[in-house]
C-alpha atoms as a PDB file:
ATOM      1  CA  MET A   1     -13.666  12.567 -11.285  1.00  0.00           C
ATOM      2  CA  LYS A   2     -14.784  10.383  -8.666  1.00  0.00           C
ATOM      3  CA  LYS A   3     -13.541   7.404 -10.203  1.00  0.00           C
ATOM      4  CA  LYS A   4     -10.420   9.027 -10.640  1.00  0.00           C
ATOM      5  CA  LEU A   5      -9.919   9.793  -6.638  1.00  0.00           C
ATOM      6  CA  LEU A   6     -10.918   6.254  -5.935  1.00  0.00           C
ATOM      7  CA  LEU A   7      -8.299   4.687  -8.752  1.00  0.00           C
ATOM      8  CA  LEU A   8      -5.609   7.323  -6.984  1.00  0.00           C
ATOM      9  CA  PHE A   9      -6.505   6.852  -3.269  1.00  0.00           C
ATOM     10  CA  THR A  10      -6.707   2.916  -3.497  1.00  0.00           C
ATOM     11  CA  SER A  11      -3.161   2.933  -4.962  1.00  0.00           C
ATOM     12  CA  THR A  12      -2.000   5.191  -2.499  1.00  0.00           C
ATOM     13  CA  THR A  13      -3.285   3.024   0.348  1.00  0.00           C
ATOM     14  CA  THR A  14      -1.986   0.026  -1.399  1.00  0.00           C
ATOM     15  CA  LEU A  15       1.719   1.203  -0.979  1.00  0.00           C
ATOM     16  CA  PHE A  16       1.159   1.817   2.503  1.00  0.00           C
ATOM     17  CA  LEU A  17      -0.567  -1.537   3.189  1.00  0.00           C
ATOM     18  CA  PHE A  18       2.564  -3.122   1.091  1.00  0.00           C
ATOM     19  CA  GLN A  19       4.871  -1.321   3.391  1.00  0.00           C
ATOM     20  CA  SER A  20       3.636  -2.943   6.834  1.00  0.00           C
ATOM     21  CA  CYS A  21       3.261  -6.492   4.506  1.00  0.00           C
ATOM     22  CA  GLN A  22       7.213  -6.085   3.715  1.00  0.00           C
ATOM     23  CA  LYS A  23       7.995  -5.503   7.375  1.00  0.00           C
ATOM     24  CA  GLU A  24       6.393  -8.563   8.655  1.00  0.00           C
ATOM     25  CA  ILE A  25       7.169 -10.591   5.484  1.00  0.00           C
ATOM     26  CA  SER A  26      10.986 -10.128   4.353  1.00  0.00           C
ATOM     27  CA  PHE A  27      11.130 -11.016   0.467  1.00  0.00           C
ATOM     28  CA  ASP A  28      14.909 -10.368   0.174  1.00  0.00           C
ATOM     29  CA  ASP A  29      16.559 -12.910   2.401  1.00  0.00           C
ATOM     30  CA  GLU A  30      17.273 -16.608   1.994  1.00  0.00           C
ATOM     31  CA  ASN A  31      14.409 -17.822   4.418  1.00  0.00           C
ATOM     32  CA  ASN A  32      11.071 -19.234   3.457  1.00  0.00           C
ATOM     33  CA  ASN A  33       8.185 -16.795   4.933  1.00  0.00           C
ATOM     34  CA  VAL A  34       5.185 -18.901   3.986  1.00  0.00           C
ATOM     35  CA  THR A  35       2.882 -18.587   6.423  1.00  0.00           C
ATOM     36  CA  GLY A  36      -0.123 -21.045   5.214  1.00  0.00           C
ATOM     37  CA  ASP A  37      -0.498 -21.537   1.384  1.00  0.00           C
ATOM     38  CA  PHE A  38      -1.165 -18.991  -1.243  1.00  0.00           C
ATOM     39  CA  ARG A  39      -1.813 -20.099  -5.037  1.00  0.00           C
ATOM     40  CA  ALA A  40      -3.318 -19.189  -8.256  1.00  0.00           C
ATOM     41  CA  LYS A  41      -3.141 -19.745 -11.982  1.00  0.00           C
ATOM     42  CA  ILE A  42      -1.840 -16.605 -13.846  1.00  0.00           C
ATOM     43  CA  GLU A  43      -3.184 -16.763 -17.539  1.00  0.00           C
ATOM     44  CA  GLY A  44      -3.988 -20.731 -16.811  1.00  0.00           C
ATOM     45  CA  THR A  45      -0.008 -21.591 -15.488  1.00  0.00           C
ATOM     46  CA  GLN A  46       0.177 -22.710 -11.724  1.00  0.00           C
ATOM     47  CA  TRP A  47       1.542 -20.205  -9.144  1.00  0.00           C
ATOM     48  CA  VAL A  48       2.813 -20.636  -6.055  1.00  0.00           C
ATOM     49  CA  ALA A  49       3.995 -18.089  -3.163  1.00  0.00           C
ATOM     50  CA  ASN A  50       6.605 -19.799  -2.201  1.00  0.00           C
ATOM     51  CA  LYS A  51       9.424 -16.829  -1.329  1.00  0.00           C
ATOM     52  CA  GLY A  52       6.646 -15.133   1.219  1.00  0.00           C
ATOM     53  CA  ALA A  53       2.992 -14.798   1.945  1.00  0.00           C
ATOM     54  CA  GLY A  54       1.261 -13.381   4.804  1.00  0.00           C
ATOM     55  CA  ALA A  55      -1.615 -11.280   5.686  1.00  0.00           C
ATOM     56  CA  SER A  56      -2.548  -7.639   7.847  1.00  0.00           C
ATOM     57  CA  ARG A  57      -5.671  -6.416   9.270  1.00  0.00           C
ATOM     58  CA  VAL A  58      -4.976  -2.932  10.466  1.00  0.00           C
ATOM     59  CA  GLN A  59      -6.586   0.400  10.004  1.00  0.00           C
ATOM     60  CA  GLY A  60      -9.925  -0.975   8.861  1.00  0.00           C
ATOM     61  CA  LEU A  61      -7.922  -2.461   6.005  1.00  0.00           C
ATOM     62  CA  ILE A  62      -6.975  -6.568   5.085  1.00  0.00           C
ATOM     63  CA  ASN A  63      -4.022  -6.955   3.114  1.00  0.00           C
ATOM     64  CA  ILE A  64      -3.013 -10.312   1.663  1.00  0.00           C
ATOM     65  CA  SER A  65       0.271 -10.674  -0.482  1.00  0.00           C
ATOM     66  CA  GLY A  66       2.121 -13.576  -1.724  1.00  0.00           C
ATOM     67  CA  PHE A  67       5.649 -13.380  -3.357  1.00  0.00           C
ATOM     68  CA  SER A  68       7.242 -16.396  -5.433  1.00  0.00           C
ATOM     69  CA  THR A  69      10.835 -17.261  -5.912  1.00  0.00           C
ATOM     70  CA  ASP A  70      10.625 -16.610  -9.868  1.00  0.00           C
ATOM     71  CA  ARG A  71       9.658 -12.891  -8.724  1.00  0.00           C
ATOM     72  CA  LYS A  72       5.913 -12.953  -9.247  1.00  0.00           C
ATOM     73  CA  TYR A  73       4.161 -10.853  -6.816  1.00  0.00           C
ATOM     74  CA  ILE A  74       0.317 -10.342  -5.953  1.00  0.00           C
ATOM     75  CA  THR A  75      -1.049  -8.535  -3.506  1.00  0.00           C
ATOM     76  CA  ILE A  76      -4.989  -7.842  -2.408  1.00  0.00           C
ATOM     77  CA  THR A  77      -6.357  -4.937  -0.349  1.00  0.00           C
ATOM     78  CA  LEU A  78      -9.726  -4.997   0.783  1.00  0.00           C
ATOM     79  CA  THR A  79     -11.911  -2.936   3.210  1.00  0.00           C
ATOM     80  CA  ASP A  80     -12.298  -4.878   6.124  1.00  0.00           C
ATOM     81  CA  SER A  81     -16.245  -6.469   6.547  1.00  0.00           C
ATOM     82  CA  GLY A  82     -14.532  -9.371   7.905  1.00  0.00           C
ATOM     83  CA  VAL A  83     -16.141 -13.300   6.428  1.00  0.00           C
ATOM     84  CA  HIS A  84     -17.111 -11.585   2.856  1.00  0.00           C
ATOM     85  CA  ARG A  85     -17.810 -11.774  -0.421  1.00  0.00           C
ATOM     86  CA  TYR A  86     -15.684  -8.284  -1.845  1.00  0.00           C
ATOM     87  CA  ILE A  87     -16.432  -7.045  -5.308  1.00  0.00           C
ATOM     88  CA  LEU A  88     -12.810  -5.690  -6.813  1.00  0.00           C
ATOM     89  CA  SER A  89     -13.851  -2.957  -9.312  1.00  0.00           C
ATOM     90  CA  ASP A  90     -12.862   0.791 -10.570  1.00  0.00           C
ATOM     91  CA  ALA A  91     -15.739   1.648  -8.323  1.00  0.00           C
ATOM     92  CA  THR A  92     -14.797   0.168  -5.118  1.00  0.00           C
ATOM     93  CA  MET A  93     -11.981   0.716  -2.430  1.00  0.00           C
ATOM     94  CA  ASN A  94     -10.843  -3.004  -3.004  1.00  0.00           C
ATOM     95  CA  ALA A  95      -7.840  -3.405  -5.204  1.00  0.00           C
ATOM     96  CA  ALA A  96      -5.612  -6.325  -6.593  1.00  0.00           C
ATOM     97  CA  ALA A  97      -2.208  -6.008  -8.248  1.00  0.00           C
ATOM     98  CA  TYR A  98      -0.125  -8.089 -10.107  1.00  0.00           C
ATOM     99  CA  ILE A  99       3.458  -7.798 -10.967  1.00  0.00           C
ATOM    100  CA  ASP A 100       5.759  -9.603 -12.571  1.00  0.00           C
ATOM    101  CA  SER A 101       9.698  -8.065 -11.860  1.00  0.00           C
ATOM    102  CA  THR A 102      11.224 -10.681 -15.128  1.00  0.00           C
ATOM    103  CA  LEU A 103       9.258  -8.912 -17.526  1.00  0.00           C
ATOM    104  CA  PRO A 104      10.820  -5.551 -19.364  1.00  0.00           C
ATOM    105  CA  ASN A 105       8.464  -3.153 -17.863  1.00  0.00           C
ATOM    106  CA  PRO A 106       8.111  -4.327 -14.187  1.00  0.00           C
ATOM    107  CA  MET A 107       4.728  -1.631 -13.773  1.00  0.00           C
ATOM    108  CA  ALA A 108       1.989  -2.899 -12.126  1.00  0.00           C
ATOM    109  CA  PHE A 109      -1.299  -4.640 -13.478  1.00  0.00           C
ATOM    110  CA  THR A 110      -4.277  -3.920 -11.250  1.00  0.00           C
ATOM    111  CA  THR A 111      -8.239  -4.200 -11.181  1.00  0.00           C
ATOM    112  CA  ASN A 112      -8.857  -0.601 -11.048  1.00  0.00           C
ATOM    113  CA  GLN A 113      -7.523   0.301 -14.093  1.00  0.00           C
ATOM    114  CA  GLY A 114      -9.007  -0.832 -17.513  1.00  0.00           C
ATOM    115  CA  THR A 115     -12.901  -1.038 -17.890  1.00  0.00           C
ATOM    116  CA  TYR A 116     -15.186  -3.290 -15.562  1.00  0.00           C
ATOM    117  CA  PRO A 117     -15.456  -5.790 -16.108  1.00  0.00           C
ATOM    118  CA  ALA A 118     -14.556  -7.174 -19.461  1.00  0.00           C
ATOM    119  CA  GLU A 119     -11.041  -5.874 -19.041  1.00  0.00           C
ATOM    120  CA  SER A 120     -10.398  -5.628 -14.892  1.00  0.00           C
ATOM    121  CA  GLY A 121     -11.921  -6.603 -11.874  1.00  0.00           C
ATOM    122  CA  GLY A 122     -12.942  -9.748 -10.167  1.00  0.00           C
ATOM    123  CA  GLU A 123     -13.679 -10.890  -6.482  1.00  0.00           C
ATOM    124  CA  VAL A 124     -12.216 -12.043  -3.262  1.00  0.00           C
ATOM    125  CA  ASN A 125     -14.214 -14.333  -0.934  1.00  0.00           C
ATOM    126  CA  ILE A 126     -13.178 -14.623   2.787  1.00  0.00           C
ATOM    127  CA  THR A 127     -14.414 -17.939   4.019  1.00  0.00           C
ATOM    128  CA  ALA A 128     -12.736 -17.626   7.443  1.00  0.00           C
ATOM    129  CA  ILE A 129     -11.198 -15.613  10.288  1.00  0.00           C
ATOM    130  CA  ASP A 130      -9.970 -17.456  13.068  1.00  0.00           C
ATOM    131  CA  THR A 131      -9.215 -14.385  15.365  1.00  0.00           C
ATOM    132  CA  VAL A 132      -7.853 -17.012  18.159  1.00  0.00           C
ATOM    133  CA  ASN A 133      -5.042 -18.037  15.916  1.00  0.00           C
ATOM    134  CA  LYS A 134      -4.692 -15.272  13.824  1.00  0.00           C
ATOM    135  CA  LYS A 135      -5.394 -16.853  10.350  1.00  0.00           C
ATOM    136  CA  MET A 136      -7.467 -16.327   7.601  1.00  0.00           C
ATOM    137  CA  SER A 137      -8.711 -18.399   4.197  1.00  0.00           C
ATOM    138  CA  GLY A 138     -10.601 -17.803   1.069  1.00  0.00           C
ATOM    139  CA  THR A 139     -10.742 -17.894  -2.471  1.00  0.00           C
ATOM    140  CA  PHE A 140     -10.275 -15.069  -5.275  1.00  0.00           C
ATOM    141  CA  SER A 141     -10.238 -14.789  -9.439  1.00  0.00           C
ATOM    142  CA  PHE A 142      -9.748 -11.304 -11.213  1.00  0.00           C
ATOM    143  CA  LYS A 143      -8.406  -9.444 -13.919  1.00  0.00           C
ATOM    144  CA  VAL A 144      -5.490  -7.029 -13.777  1.00  0.00           C
ATOM    145  CA  PHE A 145      -4.853  -4.633 -16.774  1.00  0.00           C
ATOM    146  CA  ARG A 146      -2.243  -2.102 -17.439  1.00  0.00           C
ATOM    147  CA  ILE A 147      -3.384   1.163 -19.053  1.00  0.00           C
ATOM    148  CA  MET A 148      -0.033   2.407 -20.332  1.00  0.00           C
ATOM    149  CA  ASP A 149       0.273  -0.310 -22.730  1.00  0.00           C
ATOM    150  CA  GLY A 150      -3.237  -1.994 -22.713  1.00  0.00           C
ATOM    151  CA  LEU A 151      -1.854  -5.435 -21.579  1.00  0.00           C
ATOM    152  CA  GLY A 152      -3.712  -7.951 -19.212  1.00  0.00           C
ATOM    153  CA  ARG A 153      -3.523 -10.566 -17.113  1.00  0.00           C
ATOM    154  CA  ASN A 154      -6.256 -13.302 -15.850  1.00  0.00           C
ATOM    155  CA  ILE A 155      -5.892 -14.593 -12.130  1.00  0.00           C
ATOM    156  CA  THR A 156      -7.968 -17.816 -11.438  1.00  0.00           C
ATOM    157  CA  GLU A 157      -8.414 -20.408  -8.997  1.00  0.00           C
ATOM    158  CA  GLY A 158      -7.082 -18.120  -6.232  1.00  0.00           C
ATOM    159  CA  SER A 159      -7.063 -19.527  -3.116  1.00  0.00           C
ATOM    160  CA  PHE A 160      -5.359 -18.821   0.444  1.00  0.00           C
ATOM    161  CA  THR A 161      -5.672 -21.301   3.191  1.00  0.00           C
ATOM    162  CA  ASN A 162      -4.792 -20.468   7.269  1.00  0.00           C
ATOM    163  CA  LEU A 163      -2.688 -17.363   6.198  1.00  0.00           C
ATOM    164  CA  SER A 164      -1.325 -15.595   9.125  1.00  0.00           C
ATOM    165  CA  TYR A 165      -2.353 -12.034   9.574  1.00  0.00           C
ATOM    166  CA  THR A 166      -1.049  -9.597  12.071  1.00  0.00           C
ATOM    167  CA  THR A 167      -2.651  -6.750  13.325  1.00  0.00           C
ATOM    168  CA  THR A 168      -0.225  -4.727  15.018  1.00  0.00           C
ATOM    169  CA  LEU A 169       2.934  -3.154  13.488  1.00  0.00           C
ATOM    170  CA  PRO A 170       7.029  -3.405  14.991  1.00  0.00           C
ATOM    171  CA  PRO A 171       8.398  -0.880  16.151  1.00  0.00           C
ATOM    172  CA  ALA A 172      10.465   1.786  14.392  1.00  0.00           C
ATOM    173  CA  ASN A 173      13.758   1.337  14.246  1.00  0.00           C
ATOM    174  CA  ALA A 174      16.592   2.664  16.257  1.00  0.00           C
ATOM    175  CA  THR A 175      18.207   4.987  13.598  1.00  0.00           C
ATOM    176  CA  ASP A 176      14.719   6.213  12.176  1.00  0.00           C
ATOM    177  CA  THR A 177      13.433   9.520  12.877  1.00  0.00           C
ATOM    178  CA  PHE A 178       9.700  10.475  12.150  1.00  0.00           C
ATOM    179  CA  LYS A 179       8.037  13.557  14.227  1.00  0.00           C
ATOM    180  CA  VAL A 180       5.254  16.170  13.106  1.00  0.00           C
ATOM    181  CA  LYS A 181       2.548  18.281  14.773  1.00  0.00           C
ATOM    182  CA  ILE A 182      -1.045  17.415  14.066  1.00  0.00           C
ATOM    183  CA  ALA A 183      -3.340  20.210  14.739  1.00  0.00           C
ATOM    184  CA  GLY A 184      -0.780  21.637  17.004  1.00  0.00           C
ATOM    185  CA  THR A 185      -0.329  18.642  18.857  1.00  0.00           C
ATOM    186  CA  GLN A 186       3.281  17.020  18.697  1.00  0.00           C
ATOM    187  CA  TRP A 187       2.771  13.516  17.595  1.00  0.00           C
ATOM    188  CA  ASN A 188       6.281  11.177  17.556  1.00  0.00           C
ATOM    189  CA  PRO A 189       4.801   7.829  16.539  1.00  0.00           C
ATOM    190  CA  PRO A 190       5.994   4.737  17.543  1.00  0.00           C
ATOM    191  CA  THR A 191       6.636   2.675  14.221  1.00  0.00           C
ATOM    192  CA  ILE A 192       8.034   4.131  11.327  1.00  0.00           C
ATOM    193  CA  PHE A 193       7.804   2.841   7.704  1.00  0.00           C
ATOM    194  CA  ALA A 194      10.119   3.643   4.279  1.00  0.00           C
ATOM    195  CA  VAL A 195       9.958   1.392   1.553  1.00  0.00           C
ATOM    196  CA  LYS A 196      10.896   1.605  -2.407  1.00  0.00           C
ATOM    197  CA  ALA A 197       7.914   0.561  -4.247  1.00  0.00           C
ATOM    198  CA  PRO A 198       7.594  -0.343  -7.390  1.00  0.00           C
ATOM    199  CA  ALA A 199       4.911   1.443  -9.976  1.00  0.00           C
ATOM    200  CA  VAL A 200       1.696   0.894  -8.868  1.00  0.00           C
ATOM    201  CA  PRO A 201      -0.242   3.002 -12.151  1.00  0.00           C
ATOM    202  CA  PRO A 202      -1.151   5.457 -11.804  1.00  0.00           C
ATOM    203  CA  LEU A 203       1.630   6.284  -9.740  1.00  0.00           C
ATOM    204  CA  PRO A 204       5.465   5.631 -10.544  1.00  0.00           C
ATOM    205  CA  ALA A 205       7.702   3.843  -8.868  1.00  0.00           C
ATOM    206  CA  THR A 206       8.364   5.790  -5.465  1.00  0.00           C
ATOM    207  CA  ILE A 207       9.575   5.973  -1.973  1.00  0.00           C
ATOM    208  CA  ALA A 208       6.947   5.684   0.800  1.00  0.00           C
ATOM    209  CA  VAL A 209       7.582   6.992   4.033  1.00  0.00           C
ATOM    210  CA  SER A 210       5.140   6.981   7.124  1.00  0.00           C
ATOM    211  CA  GLY A 211       5.018   6.996  10.895  1.00  0.00           C
ATOM    212  CA  THR A 212       2.207   4.814  12.476  1.00  0.00           C
ATOM    213  CA  ASP A 213       0.597   4.122  15.921  1.00  0.00           C
ATOM    214  CA  ALA A 214       1.091   0.143  17.017  1.00  0.00           C
ATOM    215  CA  THR A 215      -2.610  -0.519  15.465  1.00  0.00           C
ATOM    216  CA  ALA A 216      -2.089   1.600  12.563  1.00  0.00           C
ATOM    217  CA  SER A 217      -5.280   3.336  13.086  1.00  0.00           C
ATOM    218  CA  LYS A 218      -3.269   6.118  12.516  1.00  0.00           C
ATOM    219  CA  VAL A 219      -1.035   7.080  10.051  1.00  0.00           C
ATOM    220  CA  VAL A 220       0.873  10.079   8.279  1.00  0.00           C
ATOM    221  CA  GLY A 221       2.660   9.565   5.085  1.00  0.00           C
ATOM    222  CA  LEU A 222       4.204  10.721   2.401  1.00  0.00           C
ATOM    223  CA  ILE A 223       4.905   9.194  -0.820  1.00  0.00           C
ATOM    224  CA  PHE A 224       7.318  10.738  -3.473  1.00  0.00           C
ATOM    225  CA  PRO A 225       9.419   9.422  -6.432  1.00  0.00           C
ATOM    226  CA  ALA A 226      12.099   6.904  -6.125  1.00  0.00           C
ATOM    227  CA  ASP A 227      14.684   9.308  -8.107  1.00  0.00           C
ATOM    228  CA  ILE A 228      13.815  12.520  -6.345  1.00  0.00           C
ATOM    229  CA  ILE A 229      16.717  15.103  -5.526  1.00  0.00           C
ATOM    230  CA  PRO A 230      17.070  17.176  -2.824  1.00  0.00           C
ATOM    231  CA  GLY A 231      14.534  20.329  -3.052  1.00  0.00           C
ATOM    232  CA  THR A 232      11.404  21.950  -2.422  1.00  0.00           C
ATOM    233  CA  TYR A 233       8.269  20.378  -4.045  1.00  0.00           C
ATOM    234  CA  THR A 234       4.668  21.078  -3.545  1.00  0.00           C
ATOM    235  CA  LEU A 235       2.423  18.088  -2.102  1.00  0.00           C
ATOM    236  CA  ASP A 236      -0.748  18.055  -4.089  1.00  0.00           C
ATOM    237  CA  PHE A 237      -2.723  15.026  -4.020  1.00  0.00           C
ATOM    238  CA  PHE A 238      -4.435  15.718  -7.201  1.00  0.00           C
ATOM    239  CA  GLY A 239      -1.154  16.154  -9.062  1.00  0.00           C
ATOM    240  CA  GLY A 240      -0.514  12.228  -8.202  1.00  0.00           C
ATOM    241  CA  THR A 241       3.366  12.902  -7.481  1.00  0.00           C
ATOM    242  CA  TYR A 242       3.791  14.213  -4.810  1.00  0.00           C
ATOM    243  CA  ILE A 243       1.621  13.303  -1.698  1.00  0.00           C
ATOM    244  CA  GLY A 244       0.937  13.753   2.055  1.00  0.00           C
ATOM    245  CA  GLN A 245      -1.740  11.297   3.560  1.00  0.00           C
ATOM    246  CA  TYR A 246      -3.035  11.357   6.850  1.00  0.00           C
ATOM    247  CA  ASN A 247      -5.516   8.634   8.380  1.00  0.00           C
ATOM    248  CA  PRO A 248      -6.962  10.006  11.765  1.00  0.00           C
ATOM    249  CA  ASN A 249      -8.498   6.349  12.335  1.00  0.00           C
ATOM    250  CA  ASN A 250      -9.383   2.814  11.313  1.00  0.00           C
ATOM    251  CA  ASN A 251     -12.273   4.199   8.972  1.00  0.00           C
ATOM    252  CA  PRO A 252     -10.880   4.560   5.653  1.00  0.00           C
ATOM    253  CA  LEU A 253     -13.717   7.217   4.989  1.00  0.00           C
ATOM    254  CA  ASN A 254     -12.018   9.375   7.361  1.00  0.00           C
ATOM    255  CA  SER A 255      -8.800   9.404   5.635  1.00  0.00           C
ATOM    256  CA  GLN A 256      -7.527  12.737   4.238  1.00  0.00           C
ATOM    257  CA  ALA A 257      -4.920  13.798   1.803  1.00  0.00           C
ATOM    258  CA  SER A 258      -2.670  16.670   0.916  1.00  0.00           C
ATOM    259  CA  VAL A 259      -4.054  19.807  -0.864  1.00  0.00           C
ATOM    260  CA  SER A 260      -1.575  21.939  -0.389  1.00  0.00           C
ATOM    261  CA  GLY A 261       1.862  21.883   1.435  1.00  0.00           C
ATOM    262  CA  THR A 262       5.604  21.629   0.602  1.00  0.00           C
ATOM    263  CA  LEU A 263       8.156  18.663   0.973  1.00  0.00           C
ATOM    264  CA  GLU A 264      11.433  19.674   1.345  1.00  0.00           C
ATOM    265  CA  ILE A 265      14.313  17.022   0.503  1.00  0.00           C
ATOM    266  CA  ILE A 266      17.423  17.546   2.702  1.00  0.00           C
ATOM    267  CA  SER A 267      19.440  15.067   1.355  1.00  0.00           C
ATOM    268  CA  HIS A 268      18.750  11.725  -0.282  1.00  0.00           C
ATOM    269  CA  ASN A 269      22.000   9.245  -0.721  1.00  0.00           C
ATOM    270  CA  THR A 270      20.653   6.266  -2.948  1.00  0.00           C
ATOM    271  CA  SER A 271      23.433   3.994  -2.319  1.00  0.00           C
ATOM    272  CA  THR A 272      22.579   3.871   1.635  1.00  0.00           C
ATOM    273  CA  LYS A 273      19.012   4.128   1.040  1.00  0.00           C
ATOM    274  CA  ARG A 274      19.028   7.068   3.653  1.00  0.00           C
ATOM    275  CA  ILE A 275      16.716   9.926   2.820  1.00  0.00           C
ATOM    276  CA  ARG A 276      15.913  13.308   5.371  1.00  0.00           C
ATOM    277  CA  GLY A 277      13.432  15.674   4.880  1.00  0.00           C
ATOM    278  CA  ASN A 278      10.767  18.387   6.161  1.00  0.00           C
ATOM    279  CA  PHE A 279       7.372  18.958   5.171  1.00  0.00           C
ATOM    280  CA  ASN A 280       3.791  20.281   6.213  1.00  0.00           C
ATOM    281  CA  PHE A 281       0.960  20.227   4.774  1.00  0.00           C
ATOM    282  CA  ARG A 282      -3.189  20.623   4.991  1.00  0.00           C
ATOM    283  CA  SER A 283      -4.770  17.303   4.350  1.00  0.00           C
ATOM    284  CA  GLU A 284      -8.959  17.290   3.549  1.00  0.00           C
ATOM    285  CA  GLU A 285     -11.353  14.279   3.101  1.00  0.00           C
ATOM    286  CA  LEU A 286     -11.391  14.060  -0.694  1.00  0.00           C
ATOM    287  CA  LEU A 287     -15.403  14.323  -1.048  1.00  0.00           C
ATOM    288  CA  ASN A 288     -15.661  16.231   2.345  1.00  0.00           C
ATOM    289  CA  PRO A 289     -12.901  19.498   1.966  1.00  0.00           C
ATOM    290  CA  LEU A 290     -14.736  20.870   5.256  1.00  0.00           C
ATOM    291  CA  ALA A 291     -13.109  18.007   7.108  1.00  0.00           C
ATOM    292  CA  PHE A 292      -9.412  19.263   6.998  1.00  0.00           C
ATOM    293  CA  THR A 293      -6.523  19.081   9.742  1.00  0.00           C
ATOM    294  CA  LEU A 294      -2.906  20.929   9.378  1.00  0.00           C
ATOM    295  CA  LEU A 295       0.097  18.984   9.833  1.00  0.00           C
ATOM    296  CA  THR A 296       3.254  21.257  10.479  1.00  0.00           C
ATOM    297  CA  GLU A 297       6.770  21.201  11.441  1.00  0.00           C
ATOM    298  CA  GLY A 298       7.072  17.866  10.304  1.00  0.00           C
ATOM    299  CA  TYR A 299      10.747  16.037   9.653  1.00  0.00           C
ATOM    300  CA  PHE A 300      12.016  12.526   8.547  1.00  0.00           C
ATOM    301  CA  SER A 301      15.357  10.937   8.664  1.00  0.00           C
ATOM    302  CA  VAL A 302      14.965   7.309   7.522  1.00  0.00           C
ATOM    303  CA  THR A 303      16.529   4.532   5.694  1.00  0.00           C
ATOM    304  CA  TYR A 304      14.191   2.659   3.241  1.00  0.00           C
ATOM    305  CA  GLN A 305      13.896  -0.747   2.230  1.00  0.00           C
END
C-alpha cells in the first residue's frame, strides 16, 4: 500500500513541477531555450536537449528537465538535499520520466514503475550548485519502465552542466483566476498554472491546475483527465483519476491529498483550452490522516497550455 501511495504521489508532484518548468521553458516556440548543457545516451544513442533545458528549485524539490527537437523529453524530480547522490527507485520520493512523443504510444516511462533494480531505477549525482548565479551541474543514469506494455529504456552517461535554475515562480496571467478558502481563510494565489500534461502512469493524459505562492511553498492543485466534460466528480486521491492536492509548506512530507470532496466542471472549451470549475475537498497527509485541512469555496477559470 505504501509503495502504491508513493508512486501515485510522485506522479502528481511531478506534474506540478512539470508545470513550473514548462512555464519557464517554452517548448512550443521556435526559440532555443537551452540554458547550459543537458545530454544523455538513450539506448546507446546520443541525445541532447537542444530545444529547451532548465531547472527549478522550489517547494523542497529540484526539477531538472530537457526537451529536444526530435520530441524526446527527460524530466527528473528530487527531494532537495543540495549537492548529493540521489537514488531513484519505487521506494523513494525521487523519480525520473522519459517521454518519446514520436512513438505510437507516447505514455511516459518512469523510474518508479517496474521492479527495482532489474527493470527500473538508478541515480542522480548533483555535483555543484552555484547559488549566486543559480546554476547546477551533475550526472545521472537510470532505467525507466512502462508497466502497461512491459517496455523499458536505458538512460546512460547523462549529464547537465551549468544548467540555470529558478527559485521563484512568475505571476499569474491577467485573464486567469484561482481562489479558495483554506481552513476558512480566503487565499488568492499570485501564481496560477494550468497545463495539459502527457500521461505519467498511473495517471492518463491530464489537465493540472494549481495556485501557488511566489516561492511555491504553498500550493493548491487539481488534476483531472484531459478529456473531462462539464459535470460533477468526486475528488479522491486513492481513485487516482480526480485529485486534489494541498502543500501547506515546502516540506514534501507535509503534503496532503484529497480523501473526499467534489470537482464541478462548469465549462471546458477544448478549442480555446479554457476551463472553469468549482471545487472543495478535505485533504490529509497520506500516512497521517489526523493532519488534515478543509478547502472550501474553490473556483478557477484558466487557459491551459
